[in-house]
Amino acid sequence: MEIFICFWDVMQQQIQDIATSFFDLLKVDYSNLLIQEEAEKIYLIEIQSEDSSILIGPHGKNIEVLKSLLKLVIGKKIGENIIIHLEINDYMKQKEEKLYTYIKSKIQYVQQSGKEITLPFFTAYERKKVHSYVGEQAESVYTKSVGEGAERRIHLCKKDQKMTIDIDGDDI
């Protein structure tokens, strides 16, 4: 058991060193580079930076590219295929909160109107989050994905209410 724990401590330190070198080479100002193991072979890299607009880019496009590059570099250096989540100045957390606020408003609309609505395009990861959120938060609404590839959309639908009948007549 000790060997396993030490191995992951070494792995985390290697990822820390590689990420530090990576951001140093980019010549961006940053502080508080933190690596956390979220699950086996899944790591969260959190960084605070004054250059966040450069690192995040318009609509988060740069953060996705940086995450892909960092994953490739780390994978090559340590010889392991791992998953990286990159968080810069809590951008992803705020993006997730906005997504949930948006979905909550759409759930309320479906509950009140009873009408099915089609949501705009979301990535596969965002769709997974939406499906989970609706499943946990809205008993009277369900989701379904329709379409393929770039045309895949989530539909929010109101569940049909089941009518119950009291055969004994006790509750009437």
C-alpha atoms as a PDB file:
ATOM      1  CA  MET A   1       0.000   0.000   0.000  1.00  0.00           C
ATOM      2  CA  GLU A   2       2.815   2.409   0.843  1.00  0.00           C
ATOM      3  CA  ILE A   3       4.394   1.936  -2.572  1.00  0.00           C
ATOM      4  CA  PHE A   4       1.139   2.924  -4.292  1.00  0.00           C
ATOM      5  CA  ILE A   5       0.818   6.094  -2.216  1.00  0.00           C
ATOM      6  CA  CYS A   6       4.455   7.036  -2.797  1.00  0.00           C
ATOM      7  CA  PHE A   7       4.058   6.363  -6.533  1.00  0.00           C
ATOM      8  CA  TRP A   8       1.141   8.798  -6.775  1.00  0.00           C
ATOM      9  CA  ASP A   9       2.999  11.391  -4.701  1.00  0.00           C
ATOM     10  CA  VAL A  10       5.869  11.096  -7.177  1.00  0.00           C
ATOM     11  CA  MET A  11       3.420  11.328 -10.088  1.00  0.00           C
ATOM     12  CA  GLN A  12       1.837  14.456  -8.631  1.00  0.00           C
ATOM     13  CA  GLN A  13       5.255  16.054  -8.122  1.00  0.00           C
ATOM     14  CA  GLN A  14       6.230  15.221 -11.710  1.00  0.00           C
ATOM     15  CA  ILE A  15       3.042  16.834 -12.984  1.00  0.00           C
ATOM     16  CA  GLN A  16       3.742  19.868 -10.778  1.00  0.00           C
ATOM     17  CA  ASP A  17       7.252  20.201 -12.221  1.00  0.00           C
ATOM     18  CA  ILE A  18       6.093  19.781 -15.829  1.00  0.00           C
ATOM     19  CA  ALA A  19       3.226  22.269 -15.418  1.00  0.00           C
ATOM     20  CA  THR A  20       5.546  24.788 -13.784  1.00  0.00           C
ATOM     21  CA  SER A  21       8.036  24.498 -16.667  1.00  0.00           C
ATOM     22  CA  PHE A  22       5.180  24.700 -19.182  1.00  0.00           C
ATOM     23  CA  PHE A  23       3.827  27.984 -17.822  1.00  0.00           C
ATOM     24  CA  ASP A  24       7.338  29.382 -17.303  1.00  0.00           C
ATOM     25  CA  LEU A  25       8.071  28.778 -20.994  1.00  0.00           C
ATOM     26  CA  LEU A  26       4.886  30.622 -21.919  1.00  0.00           C
ATOM     27  CA  LYS A  27       6.297  33.688 -20.122  1.00  0.00           C
ATOM     28  CA  VAL A  28       3.036  34.436 -18.315  1.00  0.00           C
ATOM     29  CA  ASP A  29       2.763  35.793 -14.807  1.00  0.00           C
ATOM     30  CA  TYR A  30       1.191  33.241 -12.529  1.00  0.00           C
ATOM     31  CA  SER A  31       1.046  32.238  -8.906  1.00  0.00           C
ATOM     32  CA  ASN A  32      -0.355  29.422  -6.818  1.00  0.00           C
ATOM     33  CA  LEU A  33       0.064  26.571  -9.281  1.00  0.00           C
ATOM     34  CA  LEU A  34      -1.667  23.703  -7.499  1.00  0.00           C
ATOM     35  CA  ILE A  35      -2.051  20.082  -8.603  1.00  0.00           C
ATOM     36  CA  GLN A  36      -4.778  17.889  -7.113  1.00  0.00           C
ATOM     37  CA  GLU A  37      -5.573  14.301  -7.927  1.00  0.00           C
ATOM     38  CA  GLU A  38      -9.348  14.152  -8.406  1.00  0.00           C
ATOM     39  CA  ALA A  39      -9.454  10.430  -9.136  1.00  0.00           C
ATOM     40  CA  GLU A  40      -7.077   7.816 -10.466  1.00  0.00           C
ATOM     41  CA  LYS A  41      -5.249   9.338 -13.447  1.00  0.00           C
ATOM     42  CA  ILE A  42      -7.402  12.496 -13.327  1.00  0.00           C
ATOM     43  CA  TYR A  43      -5.697  15.686 -12.185  1.00  0.00           C
ATOM     44  CA  LEU A  44      -6.895  19.217 -11.591  1.00  0.00           C
ATOM     45  CA  ILE A  45      -4.328  21.919 -12.306  1.00  0.00           C
ATOM     46  CA  GLU A  46      -5.318  25.226 -10.724  1.00  0.00           C
ATOM     47  CA  ILE A  47      -3.449  28.405 -11.499  1.00  0.00           C
ATOM     48  CA  GLN A  48      -3.891  32.062 -10.603  1.00  0.00           C
ATOM     49  CA  SER A  49      -2.634  34.511 -13.199  1.00  0.00           C
ATOM     50  CA  GLU A  50      -2.649  38.199 -14.017  1.00  0.00           C
ATOM     51  CA  ASP A  51      -2.446  37.083 -17.655  1.00  0.00           C
ATOM     52  CA  SER A  52      -5.696  35.153 -17.449  1.00  0.00           C
ATOM     53  CA  SER A  53      -7.170  36.849 -20.522  1.00  0.00           C
ATOM     54  CA  ILE A  54      -4.296  35.428 -22.587  1.00  0.00           C
ATOM     55  CA  LEU A  55      -4.519  31.990 -21.002  1.00  0.00           C
ATOM     56  CA  ILE A  56      -8.302  31.713 -21.180  1.00  0.00           C
ATOM     57  CA  GLY A  57      -8.830  33.429 -24.535  1.00  0.00           C
ATOM     58  CA  PRO A  58     -12.154  34.363 -26.130  1.00  0.00           C
ATOM     59  CA  HIS A  59     -14.944  32.111 -24.843  1.00  0.00           C
ATOM     60  CA  GLY A  60     -12.375  29.817 -23.187  1.00  0.00           C
ATOM     61  CA  LYS A  61     -10.816  28.637 -26.447  1.00  0.00           C
ATOM     62  CA  ASN A  62      -7.203  29.087 -25.277  1.00  0.00           C
ATOM     63  CA  ILE A  63      -7.792  27.195 -22.051  1.00  0.00           C
ATOM     64  CA  GLU A  64      -8.919  24.154 -24.066  1.00  0.00           C
ATOM     65  CA  VAL A  65      -5.821  24.329 -26.288  1.00  0.00           C
ATOM     66  CA  LEU A  66      -3.532  24.749 -23.279  1.00  0.00           C
ATOM     67  CA  LYS A  67      -5.206  21.819 -21.552  1.00  0.00           C
ATOM     68  CA  SER A  68      -4.671  19.597 -24.610  1.00  0.00           C
ATOM     69  CA  LEU A  69      -1.037  20.625 -24.997  1.00  0.00           C
ATOM     70  CA  LEU A  70      -0.321  20.203 -21.299  1.00  0.00           C
ATOM     71  CA  LYS A  71      -1.936  16.760 -21.325  1.00  0.00           C
ATOM     72  CA  LEU A  72       0.249  15.699 -24.264  1.00  0.00           C
ATOM     73  CA  VAL A  73       3.450  17.017 -22.691  1.00  0.00           C
ATOM     74  CA  ILE A  74       2.707  15.417 -19.316  1.00  0.00           C
ATOM     75  CA  GLY A  75       1.699  12.133 -20.915  1.00  0.00           C
ATOM     76  CA  LYS A  76       4.908  11.976 -22.931  1.00  0.00           C
ATOM     77  CA  LYS A  77       7.150  12.908 -19.982  1.00  0.00           C
ATOM     78  CA  ILE A  78       5.645  10.518 -17.428  1.00  0.00           C
ATOM     79  CA  GLY A  79       4.620   7.764 -19.831  1.00  0.00           C
ATOM     80  CA  GLU A  80       1.041   7.655 -18.578  1.00  0.00           C
ATOM     81  CA  ASN A  81      -2.233   8.577 -20.235  1.00  0.00           C
ATOM     82  CA  ILE A  82      -3.962  10.928 -17.802  1.00  0.00           C
ATOM     83  CA  ILE A  83      -6.853  13.363 -17.855  1.00  0.00           C
ATOM     84  CA  ILE A  84      -6.209  17.016 -17.051  1.00  0.00           C
ATOM     85  CA  HIS A  85      -8.709  19.602 -15.867  1.00  0.00           C
ATOM     86  CA  LEU A  86      -7.262  23.110 -16.092  1.00  0.00           C
ATOM     87  CA  GLU A  87      -8.689  25.880 -13.925  1.00  0.00           C
ATOM     88  CA  ILE A  88      -7.448  29.440 -14.421  1.00  0.00           C
ATOM     89  CA  ASN A  89      -8.705  32.060 -11.938  1.00  0.00           C
ATOM     90  CA  ASP A  90     -11.852  29.953 -11.307  1.00  0.00           C
ATOM     91  CA  TYR A  91     -12.975  30.441 -14.925  1.00  0.00           C
ATOM     92  CA  MET A  92     -14.359  26.909 -15.337  1.00  0.00           C
ATOM     93  CA  LYS A  93     -16.157  27.077 -11.993  1.00  0.00           C
ATOM     94  CA  GLN A  94     -17.840  30.359 -12.978  1.00  0.00           C
ATOM     95  CA  LYS A  95     -18.687  28.941 -16.411  1.00  0.00           C
ATOM     96  CA  GLU A  96     -20.305  25.926 -14.752  1.00  0.00           C
ATOM     97  CA  GLU A  97     -22.321  28.169 -12.411  1.00  0.00           C
ATOM     98  CA  LYS A  98     -23.581  30.177 -15.409  1.00  0.00           C
ATOM     99  CA  LEU A  99     -24.537  26.956 -17.176  1.00  0.00           C
ATOM    100  CA  TYR A 100     -26.520  25.745 -14.167  1.00  0.00           C
ATOM    101  CA  THR A 101     -28.256  29.121 -13.787  1.00  0.00           C
ATOM    102  CA  TYR A 102     -29.239  29.003 -17.463  1.00  0.00           C
ATOM    103  CA  ILE A 103     -30.491  25.407 -17.222  1.00  0.00           C
ATOM    104  CA  LYS A 104     -32.435  26.215 -14.047  1.00  0.00           C
ATOM    105  CA  SER A 105     -34.300  28.999 -15.885  1.00  0.00           C
ATOM    106  CA  LYS A 106     -35.094  26.618 -18.762  1.00  0.00           C
ATOM    107  CA  ILE A 107     -36.350  23.966 -16.330  1.00  0.00           C
ATOM    108  CA  GLN A 108     -38.695  26.536 -14.791  1.00  0.00           C
ATOM    109  CA  TYR A 109     -39.981  27.481 -18.251  1.00  0.00           C
ATOM    110  CA  VAL A 110     -40.712  23.837 -19.137  1.00  0.00           C
ATOM    111  CA  GLN A 111     -42.411  23.240 -15.779  1.00  0.00           C
ATOM    112  CA  GLN A 112     -44.647  26.288 -16.178  1.00  0.00           C
ATOM    113  CA  SER A 113     -45.425  26.031 -19.886  1.00  0.00           C
ATOM    114  CA  GLY A 114     -45.378  22.272 -20.309  1.00  0.00           C
ATOM    115  CA  LYS A 115     -43.653  22.824 -23.658  1.00  0.00           C
ATOM    116  CA  GLU A 116     -40.563  20.950 -24.829  1.00  0.00           C
ATOM    117  CA  ILE A 117     -37.584  23.184 -25.587  1.00  0.00           C
ATOM    118  CA  THR A 118     -34.378  22.578 -27.510  1.00  0.00           C
ATOM    119  CA  LEU A 119     -31.199  23.940 -25.987  1.00  0.00           C
ATOM    120  CA  PRO A 120     -28.317  25.419 -28.006  1.00  0.00           C
ATOM    121  CA  PHE A 121     -25.220  23.379 -28.829  1.00  0.00           C
ATOM    122  CA  PHE A 122     -23.209  22.074 -25.896  1.00  0.00           C
ATOM    123  CA  THR A 123     -20.031  20.001 -25.920  1.00  0.00           C
ATOM    124  CA  ALA A 124     -20.314  16.348 -24.884  1.00  0.00           C
ATOM    125  CA  TYR A 125     -18.919  17.249 -21.466  1.00  0.00           C
ATOM    126  CA  GLU A 126     -21.449  20.073 -21.013  1.00  0.00           C
ATOM    127  CA  ARG A 127     -24.301  17.815 -22.178  1.00  0.00           C
ATOM    128  CA  LYS A 128     -23.297  15.270 -19.563  1.00  0.00           C
ATOM    129  CA  LYS A 129     -23.391  17.986 -16.906  1.00  0.00           C
ATOM    130  CA  VAL A 130     -26.831  19.168 -18.106  1.00  0.00           C
ATOM    131  CA  HIS A 131     -28.288  15.640 -18.106  1.00  0.00           C
ATOM    132  CA  SER A 132     -26.967  15.052 -14.570  1.00  0.00           C
ATOM    133  CA  TYR A 133     -28.134  18.426 -13.277  1.00  0.00           C
ATOM    134  CA  VAL A 134     -31.669  18.038 -14.636  1.00  0.00           C
ATOM    135  CA  GLY A 135     -31.869  14.465 -13.329  1.00  0.00           C
ATOM    136  CA  GLU A 136     -30.874  15.618  -9.837  1.00  0.00           C
ATOM    137  CA  GLN A 137     -32.751  18.934  -9.686  1.00  0.00           C
ATOM    138  CA  ALA A 138     -36.014  18.514 -11.585  1.00  0.00           C
ATOM    139  CA  GLU A 139     -38.391  15.670 -10.861  1.00  0.00           C
ATOM    140  CA  SER A 140     -40.964  16.851 -13.397  1.00  0.00           C
ATOM    141  CA  VAL A 141     -38.519  17.441 -16.293  1.00  0.00           C
ATOM    142  CA  TYR A 142     -36.332  15.029 -18.232  1.00  0.00           C
ATOM    143  CA  THR A 143     -33.691  15.412 -20.935  1.00  0.00           C
ATOM    144  CA  LYS A 144     -33.008  13.668 -24.199  1.00  0.00           C
ATOM    145  CA  SER A 145     -30.289  14.215 -26.778  1.00  0.00           C
ATOM    146  CA  VAL A 146     -31.307  14.366 -30.417  1.00  0.00           C
ATOM    147  CA  GLY A 147     -29.047  14.508 -33.478  1.00  0.00           C
ATOM    148  CA  GLU A 148     -25.481  13.593 -34.281  1.00  0.00           C
ATOM    149  CA  GLY A 149     -22.161  15.434 -34.105  1.00  0.00           C
ATOM    150  CA  ALA A 150     -22.417  19.230 -34.313  1.00  0.00           C
ATOM    151  CA  GLU A 151     -26.202  18.918 -34.693  1.00  0.00           C
ATOM    152  CA  ARG A 152     -26.685  17.104 -31.367  1.00  0.00           C
ATOM    153  CA  ARG A 153     -28.965  19.065 -29.039  1.00  0.00           C
ATOM    154  CA  ILE A 154     -30.506  18.505 -25.638  1.00  0.00           C
ATOM    155  CA  HIS A 155     -34.277  18.673 -25.371  1.00  0.00           C
ATOM    156  CA  LEU A 156     -35.927  19.480 -22.058  1.00  0.00           C
ATOM    157  CA  CYS A 157     -39.323  17.833 -21.746  1.00  0.00           C
ATOM    158  CA  LYS A 158     -42.023  17.806 -19.098  1.00  0.00           C
ATOM    159  CA  LYS A 159     -42.776  14.387 -17.661  1.00  0.00           C
ATOM    160  CA  ASP A 160     -46.328  13.197 -17.996  1.00  0.00           C
ATOM    161  CA  GLN A 161     -48.060  13.150 -14.654  1.00  0.00           C
ATOM    162  CA  LYS A 162     -49.200   9.726 -13.644  1.00  0.00           C
ATOM    163  CA  MET A 163     -52.739   9.549 -12.431  1.00  0.00           C
ATOM    164  CA  THR A 164     -53.306   7.405  -9.394  1.00  0.00           C
ATOM    165  CA  ILE A 165     -56.581   5.897  -8.457  1.00  0.00           C
ATOM    166  CA  ASP A 166     -57.517   4.952  -4.938  1.00  0.00           C
ATOM    167  CA  ILE A 167     -59.410   1.709  -5.456  1.00  0.00           C
ATOM    168  CA  ASP A 168     -60.508   1.470  -1.826  1.00  0.00           C
ATOM    169  CA  GLY A 169     -61.787   5.039  -1.788  1.00  0.00           C
ATOM    170  CA  ASP A 170     -60.072   5.800   1.494  1.00  0.00           C
ATOM    171  CA  ASP A 171     -58.542   9.068   0.310  1.00  0.00           C
ATOM    172  CA  ILE A 172     -61.582  10.451  -1.506  1.00  0.00           C
END
